[in-house]
Amino acid sequence: MDRESGKFCFRVIPNFEKNIKPNNFNDFEDVKGVYRYRNTNDEIIYIGKGWIKKNFKRSDKKSWIDKVSKIEYSEVSDENDQFKFEEISIAAHKIQNNGKLPKYNILSGRAPK
């Protein structure tokens, strides 16, 4: 509760409330956030964070990016929050999928230093 206003404040985690089809990127203004890619079977095949449009076009995804039929995302500007919400989203996916990462994720969030 905020002592001055007497109101309750809640921090919520992103729920991928926005989506875009890859072929609609020409009209899309790039934003930072957490995102997940779905294939034509509506399976989550990748969860990531950062610039939504820029990361979609990265060369390391060329071998499988054509399998993405929809990108779901939440805008998150703070990089630390992006890391945190990416890790939470990947952990939730693993719980729902017998410990498996999305097909094209190599790591469960941050790369080891």
C-alpha atoms as a PDB file:
ATOM      1  CA  MET A   1       0.000   0.000   0.000  1.00  0.00           C
ATOM      2  CA  ASP A   2       1.225   3.470  -0.844  1.00  0.00           C
ATOM      3  CA  ARG A   3       1.208   5.292   2.469  1.00  0.00           C
ATOM      4  CA  GLU A   4       0.603   8.739   0.973  1.00  0.00           C
ATOM      5  CA  SER A   5      -2.291   7.907  -1.316  1.00  0.00           C
ATOM      6  CA  GLY A   6      -3.686   4.931   0.582  1.00  0.00           C
ATOM      7  CA  LYS A   7      -3.807   2.950  -2.675  1.00  0.00           C
ATOM      8  CA  PHE A   8      -2.513  -0.530  -3.313  1.00  0.00           C
ATOM      9  CA  CYS A   9       0.129  -1.028  -5.994  1.00  0.00           C
ATOM     10  CA  PHE A  10       0.931  -4.335  -7.645  1.00  0.00           C
ATOM     11  CA  ARG A  11       3.777  -5.304  -9.943  1.00  0.00           C
ATOM     12  CA  VAL A  12       2.619  -7.811 -12.496  1.00  0.00           C
ATOM     13  CA  ILE A  13       4.616  -9.969 -14.819  1.00  0.00           C
ATOM     14  CA  PRO A  14       4.147  -9.605 -18.566  1.00  0.00           C
ATOM     15  CA  ASN A  15       1.606 -11.946 -20.094  1.00  0.00           C
ATOM     16  CA  PHE A  16       2.436 -11.508 -23.793  1.00  0.00           C
ATOM     17  CA  GLU A  17      -0.670  -9.382 -24.277  1.00  0.00           C
ATOM     18  CA  LYS A  18       0.357  -8.075 -27.706  1.00  0.00           C
ATOM     19  CA  ASN A  19       1.047 -10.003 -30.891  1.00  0.00           C
ATOM     20  CA  ILE A  20       2.125  -9.513 -34.457  1.00  0.00           C
ATOM     21  CA  LYS A  21       2.541 -11.703 -37.501  1.00  0.00           C
ATOM     22  CA  PRO A  22       6.073 -11.636 -38.969  1.00  0.00           C
ATOM     23  CA  ASN A  23       4.780 -10.498 -42.365  1.00  0.00           C
ATOM     24  CA  ASN A  24       3.384  -7.323 -40.709  1.00  0.00           C
ATOM     25  CA  PHE A  25       6.780  -6.099 -39.473  1.00  0.00           C
ATOM     26  CA  ASN A  26       7.052  -3.359 -42.108  1.00  0.00           C
ATOM     27  CA  ASP A  27       4.556  -1.235 -40.157  1.00  0.00           C
ATOM     28  CA  PHE A  28       5.901  -2.228 -36.726  1.00  0.00           C
ATOM     29  CA  GLU A  29       7.872   0.281 -34.662  1.00  0.00           C
ATOM     30  CA  ASP A  30      10.494  -1.713 -32.766  1.00  0.00           C
ATOM     31  CA  VAL A  31      10.094  -1.912 -28.984  1.00  0.00           C
ATOM     32  CA  LYS A  32      12.013  -3.588 -26.165  1.00  0.00           C
ATOM     33  CA  GLY A  33      10.428  -6.357 -24.195  1.00  0.00           C
ATOM     34  CA  VAL A  34      10.020 -10.072 -23.668  1.00  0.00           C
ATOM     35  CA  TYR A  35       8.608 -12.161 -26.466  1.00  0.00           C
ATOM     36  CA  ARG A  36       7.802 -15.664 -27.557  1.00  0.00           C
ATOM     37  CA  TYR A  37       7.533 -17.155 -31.004  1.00  0.00           C
ATOM     38  CA  ARG A  38       4.762 -19.598 -31.924  1.00  0.00           C
ATOM     39  CA  ASN A  39       4.666 -21.935 -34.893  1.00  0.00           C
ATOM     40  CA  THR A  40       1.662 -22.830 -37.056  1.00  0.00           C
ATOM     41  CA  ASN A  41       0.654 -25.497 -34.486  1.00  0.00           C
ATOM     42  CA  ASP A  42       0.551 -22.719 -31.841  1.00  0.00           C
ATOM     43  CA  GLU A  43       3.513 -24.270 -29.997  1.00  0.00           C
ATOM     44  CA  ILE A  44       5.963 -21.932 -28.263  1.00  0.00           C
ATOM     45  CA  ILE A  45       9.269 -22.484 -30.054  1.00  0.00           C
ATOM     46  CA  TYR A  46      11.362 -19.635 -28.625  1.00  0.00           C
ATOM     47  CA  ILE A  47      11.291 -17.207 -25.692  1.00  0.00           C
ATOM     48  CA  GLY A  48      13.562 -14.170 -25.677  1.00  0.00           C
ATOM     49  CA  LYS A  49      14.083 -10.580 -24.600  1.00  0.00           C
ATOM     50  CA  GLY A  50      15.316  -7.330 -26.107  1.00  0.00           C
ATOM     51  CA  TRP A  51      14.314  -5.522 -29.297  1.00  0.00           C
ATOM     52  CA  ILE A  52      11.344  -7.420 -30.763  1.00  0.00           C
ATOM     53  CA  LYS A  53      11.866  -6.649 -34.476  1.00  0.00           C
ATOM     54  CA  LYS A  54      15.659  -6.416 -34.479  1.00  0.00           C
ATOM     55  CA  ASN A  55      16.085  -9.764 -32.712  1.00  0.00           C
ATOM     56  CA  PHE A  56      13.661 -11.455 -35.088  1.00  0.00           C
ATOM     57  CA  LYS A  57      15.961 -10.552 -37.971  1.00  0.00           C
ATOM     58  CA  ARG A  58      19.214 -11.761 -36.332  1.00  0.00           C
ATOM     59  CA  SER A  59      21.313 -13.997 -38.557  1.00  0.00           C
ATOM     60  CA  ASP A  60      21.665 -16.761 -35.937  1.00  0.00           C
ATOM     61  CA  LYS A  61      17.933 -17.499 -36.352  1.00  0.00           C
ATOM     62  CA  LYS A  62      17.967 -17.854 -40.157  1.00  0.00           C
ATOM     63  CA  SER A  63      17.780 -21.651 -40.150  1.00  0.00           C
ATOM     64  CA  TRP A  64      14.434 -21.764 -38.320  1.00  0.00           C
ATOM     65  CA  ILE A  65      12.850 -18.301 -38.323  1.00  0.00           C
ATOM     66  CA  ASP A  66      10.505 -19.181 -41.196  1.00  0.00           C
ATOM     67  CA  LYS A  67       8.691 -21.545 -38.795  1.00  0.00           C
ATOM     68  CA  VAL A  68       7.417 -18.578 -36.747  1.00  0.00           C
ATOM     69  CA  SER A  69       3.786 -17.767 -37.471  1.00  0.00           C
ATOM     70  CA  LYS A  70       3.124 -15.360 -34.581  1.00  0.00           C
ATOM     71  CA  ILE A  71       5.148 -13.252 -32.149  1.00  0.00           C
ATOM     72  CA  GLU A  72       3.577 -12.543 -28.768  1.00  0.00           C
ATOM     73  CA  TYR A  73       5.204  -9.877 -26.625  1.00  0.00           C
ATOM     74  CA  SER A  74       5.023  -7.481 -23.715  1.00  0.00           C
ATOM     75  CA  GLU A  75       6.795  -4.143 -23.732  1.00  0.00           C
ATOM     76  CA  VAL A  76       9.416  -3.977 -20.968  1.00  0.00           C
ATOM     77  CA  SER A  77      11.940  -1.159 -21.205  1.00  0.00           C
ATOM     78  CA  ASP A  78      14.185  -2.011 -18.237  1.00  0.00           C
ATOM     79  CA  GLU A  79      16.880  -4.537 -19.189  1.00  0.00           C
ATOM     80  CA  ASN A  80      17.025  -6.130 -15.727  1.00  0.00           C
ATOM     81  CA  ASP A  81      13.256  -6.659 -15.852  1.00  0.00           C
ATOM     82  CA  GLN A  82      13.617  -8.152 -19.343  1.00  0.00           C
ATOM     83  CA  PHE A  83      16.104 -10.726 -18.021  1.00  0.00           C
ATOM     84  CA  LYS A  84      13.911 -11.488 -15.019  1.00  0.00           C
ATOM     85  CA  PHE A  85      10.703 -11.920 -17.041  1.00  0.00           C
ATOM     86  CA  GLU A  86      12.463 -13.973 -19.719  1.00  0.00           C
ATOM     87  CA  GLU A  87      13.735 -16.355 -17.031  1.00  0.00           C
ATOM     88  CA  ILE A  88      10.283 -16.558 -15.405  1.00  0.00           C
ATOM     89  CA  SER A  89       8.650 -17.285 -18.773  1.00  0.00           C
ATOM     90  CA  ILE A  90      11.169 -19.992 -19.647  1.00  0.00           C
ATOM     91  CA  ALA A  91      10.801 -21.580 -16.200  1.00  0.00           C
ATOM     92  CA  ALA A  92       6.992 -21.627 -16.589  1.00  0.00           C
ATOM     93  CA  HIS A  93       7.360 -23.234 -20.016  1.00  0.00           C
ATOM     94  CA  LYS A  94       9.631 -25.912 -18.572  1.00  0.00           C
ATOM     95  CA  ILE A  95       7.131 -26.673 -15.796  1.00  0.00           C
ATOM     96  CA  GLN A  96       4.348 -27.110 -18.356  1.00  0.00           C
ATOM     97  CA  ASN A  97       6.524 -29.207 -20.710  1.00  0.00           C
ATOM     98  CA  ASN A  98       8.259 -31.795 -18.523  1.00  0.00           C
ATOM     99  CA  GLY A  99      11.420 -29.723 -18.071  1.00  0.00           C
ATOM    100  CA  LYS A 100      11.931 -29.017 -21.783  1.00  0.00           C
ATOM    101  CA  LEU A 101      12.987 -25.669 -23.159  1.00  0.00           C
ATOM    102  CA  PRO A 102      11.209 -24.244 -26.199  1.00  0.00           C
ATOM    103  CA  LYS A 103      12.594 -25.978 -29.303  1.00  0.00           C
ATOM    104  CA  TYR A 104      15.007 -23.211 -30.327  1.00  0.00           C
ATOM    105  CA  ASN A 105      16.087 -21.940 -26.904  1.00  0.00           C
ATOM    106  CA  ILE A 106      19.592 -23.073 -25.992  1.00  0.00           C
ATOM    107  CA  LEU A 107      19.712 -21.527 -22.506  1.00  0.00           C
ATOM    108  CA  SER A 108      17.251 -20.895 -19.695  1.00  0.00           C
ATOM    109  CA  GLY A 109      17.754 -17.138 -19.685  1.00  0.00           C
ATOM    110  CA  ARG A 110      21.093 -15.403 -19.078  1.00  0.00           C
ATOM    111  CA  ALA A 111      24.212 -16.950 -20.504  1.00  0.00           C
ATOM    112  CA  PRO A 112      26.766 -17.981 -17.858  1.00  0.00           C
ATOM    113  CA  LYS A 113      29.628 -15.503 -17.398  1.00  0.00           C
END
